Amino acid sequence: MLEPIIELRAINKNYSRKEKGSLFFRAKQQPSVNALNNINLQIYPGEIFVIVGLSGSGKSTLLRTLNFLIPPTDGSVLFDGQELASLSSAQMITLRRQKMGMVFQSFALFDERTVLDNVAFGLEVAGVSRAARHQKAQDMLEQVGLGQVANHYPHQLSGGMQQRVGLARALVVNPSVLLMDEAFSALDPIIRREMQSLLLTLQAQQRRTIVFVTHDMEEALRLGTRIAIMEQGNLVQVGQPETLINTPATPYVRHFFSGVDTSRWQLAENYAESYADTSATRR
């Protein structure tokens, strides 16, 4: 039986007045906010696991608990069977640098570094020699279609190209898990779809575990092996696309598919019902 690479057990995250930097506290002006409520979840090797939710649903907080950028208030996070809470600071840094890559919505590139040196940054931190890290970085740039701009600087690139650099930087260290937080949300629709295609191509070649956060159900359906839907800190439903479409657990889950072409995944009887509802609405 396949064992999960990441497991969450009874995870809660409470932002209180003690956490002065809390965005939740500043936004809500409340004594405390429950950002995550009793989350139990298993993520398996080689899958693209997509977390979907509206703004404030807790999806980005959940993603950041996976590598302890946001430690949970209580509960357990396990990576390859090891509790992250048991790791020392040095071990946690090593985990983030070598086993869990991360790609953000903001490209987070170093303006003063060339594209090649941006991609090679993680290898540089790991002590890889200049020649070796540059070779690996160049190889990765070739894989994301940017081999010809290695000596350019970030400001010389389009948004889509900058995000490819960010993706290459995360992948060059060959992490077991790639965490992606709204990574394509700031891109134009055409470029966004190109990045989705690139990610799927790389996944077909490398088969790593990817956890991808988005608010866009069309993106989730295109990318996800399984999809988790969050609402107000709660994990409402987890399943393969066809499961969520054909047997939504709540009206909230069903609402997420409004206006989305789900015919590829729908059962015949559900498709007929959906078509009838749409026709009635148009009349």
Protein backbone atom coordinates (compact mmCIF):
# COMPACT_ATOMS: atom_id res chain seq x y z
CA MET A 1 0.00 0.00 0.00
CA LEU A 2 1.31 3.44 -0.95
CA GLU A 3 2.30 5.48 2.09
CA PRO A 4 1.63 9.23 2.19
CA ILE A 5 4.61 11.53 1.77
CA ILE A 6 2.78 14.23 3.76
CA GLU A 7 0.21 13.65 6.46
CA LEU A 8 -1.73 16.13 8.59
CA ARG A 9 -3.37 14.93 11.79
CA ALA A 10 -5.92 17.10 13.61
CA ILE A 11 -4.26 20.36 12.52
CA ASN A 12 -5.56 23.58 14.03
CA LYS A 13 -4.20 27.09 13.58
CA ASN A 14 -5.37 29.87 15.84
CA TYR A 15 -4.15 33.44 15.38
CA SER A 16 -4.36 35.35 18.64
CA ARG A 17 -3.33 38.73 20.03
CA LYS A 18 0.00 37.20 20.98
CA GLU A 19 0.85 36.96 17.27
CA LYS A 20 1.14 40.68 16.56
CA GLY A 21 2.19 40.14 12.96
CA SER A 22 -0.88 38.12 12.13
CA LEU A 23 -2.62 39.30 8.98
CA PHE A 24 -5.80 37.71 10.30
CA PHE A 25 -5.63 39.69 13.52
CA ARG A 26 -4.93 43.00 11.75
CA ALA A 27 -7.67 42.44 9.20
CA LYS A 28 -10.37 41.17 11.55
CA GLN A 29 -9.49 43.13 14.69
CA GLN A 30 -10.65 40.17 16.74
CA PRO A 31 -9.08 38.56 19.82
CA SER A 32 -8.45 35.37 17.84
CA VAL A 33 -9.21 33.74 14.51
CA ASN A 34 -9.36 30.03 13.77
CA ALA A 35 -7.60 29.81 10.42
CA LEU A 36 -7.55 25.99 10.28
CA ASN A 37 -9.99 23.66 12.00
CA ASN A 38 -9.16 20.01 12.65
CA ILE A 39 -7.54 19.30 9.28
CA ASN A 40 -6.81 15.64 8.55
CA LEU A 41 -5.18 14.98 5.21
CA GLN A 42 -2.88 12.60 3.36
CA ILE A 43 -0.91 13.55 0.25
CA TYR A 44 0.70 10.79 -1.79
CA PRO A 45 3.94 10.60 -3.79
CA GLY A 46 3.70 11.68 -7.41
CA GLU A 47 0.29 13.35 -7.28
CA ILE A 48 -0.65 16.94 -8.02
CA PHE A 49 -2.79 17.82 -5.02
CA VAL A 50 -4.73 21.05 -5.56
CA ILE A 51 -6.17 23.11 -2.70
CA VAL A 52 -9.05 25.36 -3.77
CA GLY A 53 -10.88 28.03 -1.80
CA LEU A 54 -12.05 31.60 -1.72
CA SER A 55 -9.98 34.39 -0.20
CA GLY A 56 -9.71 33.81 3.55
CA SER A 57 -10.61 30.12 3.34
CA GLY A 58 -7.27 29.07 4.84
CA LYS A 59 -5.80 27.48 1.73
CA SER A 60 -2.48 29.39 1.82
CA THR A 61 -2.21 28.92 5.58
CA LEU A 62 -2.68 25.19 5.07
CA LEU A 63 0.03 25.11 2.41
CA ARG A 64 2.48 26.87 4.73
CA THR A 65 1.87 24.40 7.54
CA LEU A 66 3.27 21.67 5.28
CA ASN A 67 6.81 23.06 5.64
CA PHE A 68 6.22 24.81 8.99
CA LEU A 69 6.50 28.32 7.58
CA ILE A 70 3.33 28.60 9.64
CA PRO A 71 3.52 26.10 12.52
CA PRO A 72 0.11 24.78 13.59
CA THR A 73 -1.27 25.65 17.00
CA ASP A 74 -1.78 21.95 17.60
CA GLY A 75 -1.85 18.70 15.67
CA SER A 76 0.88 16.87 13.76
CA VAL A 77 2.51 17.38 10.36
CA LEU A 78 4.47 14.37 9.10
CA PHE A 79 6.87 14.27 6.16
CA ASP A 80 7.92 10.77 5.13
CA GLY A 81 6.64 9.59 8.49
CA GLN A 82 8.67 12.07 10.56
CA GLU A 83 6.98 14.72 12.68
CA LEU A 84 8.17 18.17 11.65
CA ALA A 85 7.74 19.45 15.20
CA SER A 86 10.53 17.10 16.27
CA LEU A 87 13.09 18.66 13.90
CA SER A 88 15.73 21.10 15.07
CA SER A 89 16.01 24.51 13.40
CA ALA A 90 18.96 23.27 11.35
CA GLN A 91 17.07 20.16 10.25
CA MET A 92 14.06 22.27 9.30
CA ILE A 93 16.22 24.54 7.14
CA THR A 94 17.71 21.50 5.42
CA LEU A 95 14.22 20.10 4.79
CA ARG A 96 13.06 23.34 3.17
CA ARG A 97 16.20 23.73 1.08
CA GLN A 98 16.52 20.17 -0.15
CA LYS A 99 13.18 18.39 0.05
CA MET A 100 10.44 21.03 -0.23
CA GLY A 101 10.68 23.62 -2.99
CA MET A 102 8.27 26.56 -3.03
CA VAL A 103 6.97 28.85 -5.76
CA PHE A 104 5.03 31.99 -4.85
CA GLN A 105 2.64 34.23 -6.76
CA SER A 106 5.19 37.02 -6.48
CA PHE A 107 8.21 35.91 -8.46
CA ALA A 108 10.65 36.74 -5.62
CA LEU A 109 13.67 36.94 -7.91
CA PHE A 110 16.89 38.75 -7.05
CA ASP A 111 17.08 41.83 -9.27
CA GLU A 112 20.87 42.09 -9.03
CA ARG A 113 21.44 38.47 -10.10
CA THR A 114 21.32 37.08 -13.61
CA VAL A 115 18.68 34.53 -14.49
CA LEU A 116 21.32 31.81 -14.25
CA ASP A 117 22.41 32.90 -10.78
CA ASN A 118 18.80 33.20 -9.63
CA VAL A 119 18.15 29.60 -10.61
CA ALA A 120 21.44 28.46 -9.05
CA PHE A 121 20.79 30.21 -5.73
CA GLY A 122 19.62 27.15 -3.80
CA LEU A 123 22.61 25.16 -5.02
CA GLU A 124 24.91 28.00 -4.00
CA VAL A 125 23.46 27.99 -0.49
CA ALA A 126 23.99 24.21 -0.40
CA GLY A 127 27.69 24.68 -1.15
CA VAL A 128 27.69 23.35 -4.71
CA SER A 129 30.67 24.60 -6.72
CA ARG A 130 30.14 27.46 -9.15
CA ALA A 131 30.76 25.35 -12.25
CA ALA A 132 28.49 22.53 -11.11
CA ARG A 133 25.63 24.76 -10.02
CA HIS A 134 25.78 26.80 -13.22
CA GLN A 135 25.62 23.63 -15.29
CA LYS A 136 22.61 22.35 -13.36
CA ALA A 137 20.93 25.74 -13.54
CA GLN A 138 21.50 25.95 -17.29
CA ASP A 139 20.08 22.46 -17.76
CA MET A 140 16.98 23.43 -15.79
CA LEU A 141 16.56 26.64 -17.77
CA GLU A 142 16.62 24.54 -20.93
CA GLN A 143 13.83 22.38 -19.51
CA VAL A 144 11.59 25.41 -18.89
CA GLY A 145 12.40 26.93 -22.27
CA LEU A 146 14.66 29.76 -21.09
CA GLY A 147 18.13 28.53 -21.97
CA GLN A 148 18.71 31.53 -24.21
CA VAL A 149 18.17 34.14 -21.45
CA ALA A 150 20.54 32.77 -18.81
CA ASN A 151 22.61 35.97 -18.76
CA HIS A 152 19.64 38.34 -18.70
CA TYR A 153 18.36 40.04 -15.55
CA PRO A 154 14.82 39.64 -14.18
CA HIS A 155 13.70 43.13 -15.23
CA GLN A 156 14.42 42.19 -18.84
CA LEU A 157 11.89 39.33 -18.76
CA SER A 158 8.11 39.18 -19.09
CA GLY A 159 5.98 38.05 -16.15
CA GLY A 160 5.58 34.59 -17.61
CA MET A 161 9.31 34.24 -18.15
CA GLN A 162 10.01 35.42 -14.59
CA GLN A 163 7.67 32.77 -13.23
CA ARG A 164 9.47 30.14 -15.30
CA VAL A 165 12.69 31.28 -13.61
CA GLY A 166 11.01 30.91 -10.21
CA LEU A 167 9.85 27.42 -11.12
CA ALA A 168 13.32 26.47 -12.37
CA ARG A 169 14.89 27.75 -9.15
CA ALA A 170 12.57 25.58 -7.07
CA LEU A 171 13.15 22.47 -9.20
CA VAL A 172 16.92 22.67 -9.66
CA VAL A 173 17.57 21.30 -6.16
CA ASN A 174 15.38 18.29 -7.07
CA PRO A 175 12.96 18.48 -4.13
CA SER A 176 10.65 15.59 -3.28
CA VAL A 177 7.76 18.03 -2.90
CA LEU A 178 6.96 21.28 -4.70
CA LEU A 179 4.63 23.75 -2.97
CA MET A 180 2.98 26.30 -5.26
CA ASP A 181 0.94 29.16 -3.76
CA GLU A 182 -1.25 30.84 -6.42
CA ALA A 183 1.86 30.57 -8.60
CA PHE A 184 0.13 31.42 -11.89
CA SER A 185 -2.60 33.76 -10.62
CA ALA A 186 -0.83 37.00 -11.56
CA LEU A 187 -0.28 35.95 -15.17
CA ASP A 188 -2.34 36.79 -18.24
CA PRO A 189 -4.75 33.97 -19.26
CA ILE A 190 -2.72 32.79 -22.26
CA ILE A 191 0.57 32.79 -20.34
CA ARG A 192 -1.15 31.14 -17.41
CA ARG A 193 -2.32 28.27 -19.59
CA GLU A 194 1.18 27.93 -21.04
CA MET A 195 2.58 27.62 -17.51
CA GLN A 196 -0.01 24.99 -16.65
CA SER A 197 1.04 23.02 -19.73
CA LEU A 198 4.70 23.36 -18.78
CA LEU A 199 3.99 22.11 -15.26
CA LEU A 200 2.11 19.09 -16.62
CA THR A 201 4.96 18.34 -19.04
CA LEU A 202 7.55 18.51 -16.27
CA GLN A 203 5.34 16.38 -14.03
CA ALA A 204 5.07 13.69 -16.71
CA GLN A 205 8.86 13.58 -16.85
CA GLN A 206 9.70 13.86 -13.16
CA ARG A 207 6.67 12.57 -11.19
CA ARG A 208 7.32 14.59 -8.06
CA THR A 209 4.67 15.49 -5.49
CA ILE A 210 3.12 18.91 -6.11
CA VAL A 211 0.77 20.77 -3.77
CA PHE A 212 -0.85 23.61 -5.69
CA VAL A 213 -3.05 26.36 -4.22
CA THR A 214 -5.53 28.22 -6.43
CA HIS A 215 -8.93 29.93 -6.32
CA ASP A 216 -9.62 28.92 -9.95
CA MET A 217 -11.57 25.68 -10.37
CA GLU A 218 -10.75 25.41 -14.08
CA GLU A 219 -7.06 25.45 -13.16
CA ALA A 220 -7.67 22.89 -10.42
CA LEU A 221 -9.48 20.56 -12.80
CA ARG A 222 -6.75 20.82 -15.41
CA LEU A 223 -3.90 20.15 -12.99
CA GLY A 224 -5.22 18.13 -10.10
CA THR A 225 -4.92 14.42 -9.47
CA ARG A 226 -7.04 15.16 -6.41
CA ILE A 227 -8.66 18.38 -5.25
CA ALA A 228 -9.36 19.66 -1.74
CA ILE A 229 -11.97 22.38 -1.22
CA MET A 230 -11.69 24.68 1.79
CA GLU A 231 -14.22 26.97 3.44
CA GLN A 232 -13.51 29.19 6.45
CA GLY A 233 -10.65 27.05 7.67
CA ASN A 234 -12.47 23.77 7.15
CA LEU A 235 -11.60 21.01 4.71
CA VAL A 236 -15.01 20.50 3.14
CA GLN A 237 -14.27 17.74 0.62
CA VAL A 238 -11.29 15.93 -0.90
CA GLY A 239 -11.41 13.74 -3.98
CA GLN A 240 -10.69 13.21 -7.63
CA PRO A 241 -12.33 15.73 -9.98
CA GLU A 242 -15.11 13.37 -11.04
CA THR A 243 -15.98 12.64 -7.40
CA LEU A 244 -16.36 16.31 -6.50
CA ILE A 245 -18.35 17.05 -9.65
CA ASN A 246 -20.74 14.10 -9.45
CA THR A 247 -21.13 13.85 -5.66
CA PRO A 248 -20.46 17.29 -4.12
CA ALA A 249 -20.58 17.09 -0.33
CA THR A 250 -22.21 20.51 0.16
CA PRO A 251 -23.85 23.32 -1.84
CA TYR A 252 -20.59 25.24 -1.34
CA VAL A 253 -18.69 22.56 -3.26
CA ARG A 254 -21.33 22.48 -5.99
CA HIS A 255 -21.11 26.27 -6.31
CA PHE A 256 -17.42 26.07 -7.19
CA PHE A 257 -18.29 24.35 -10.46
CA SER A 258 -20.78 27.01 -11.59
CA GLY A 259 -19.84 28.25 -15.05
CA VAL A 260 -17.10 25.63 -15.45
CA ASP A 261 -17.23 23.06 -18.25
CA THR A 262 -17.32 19.79 -16.33
CA SER A 263 -18.71 17.57 -19.11
CA ARG A 264 -15.48 15.58 -19.29
CA TRP A 265 -15.97 14.28 -15.76
CA GLN A 266 -19.75 14.17 -15.38
CA LEU A 267 -21.78 10.98 -15.30
CA ALA A 268 -24.42 10.85 -18.02
CA GLU A 269 -27.39 11.34 -15.67
CA ASN A 270 -25.70 14.27 -13.92
CA TYR A 271 -24.77 15.85 -17.24
CA ALA A 272 -28.38 15.67 -18.43
CA GLU A 273 -29.60 17.23 -15.18
CA SER A 274 -26.99 19.99 -15.42
CA TYR A 275 -27.93 20.70 -19.05
CA ALA A 276 -31.62 20.90 -18.14
CA ASP A 277 -30.89 23.33 -15.29
CA THR A 278 -28.80 25.51 -17.60
CA SER A 279 -31.48 25.53 -20.30
CA ALA A 280 -34.16 26.46 -17.80
CA THR A 281 -32.04 29.33 -16.51
CA ARG A 282 -31.53 30.66 -20.04
CA ARG A 283 -35.27 30.60 -20.73
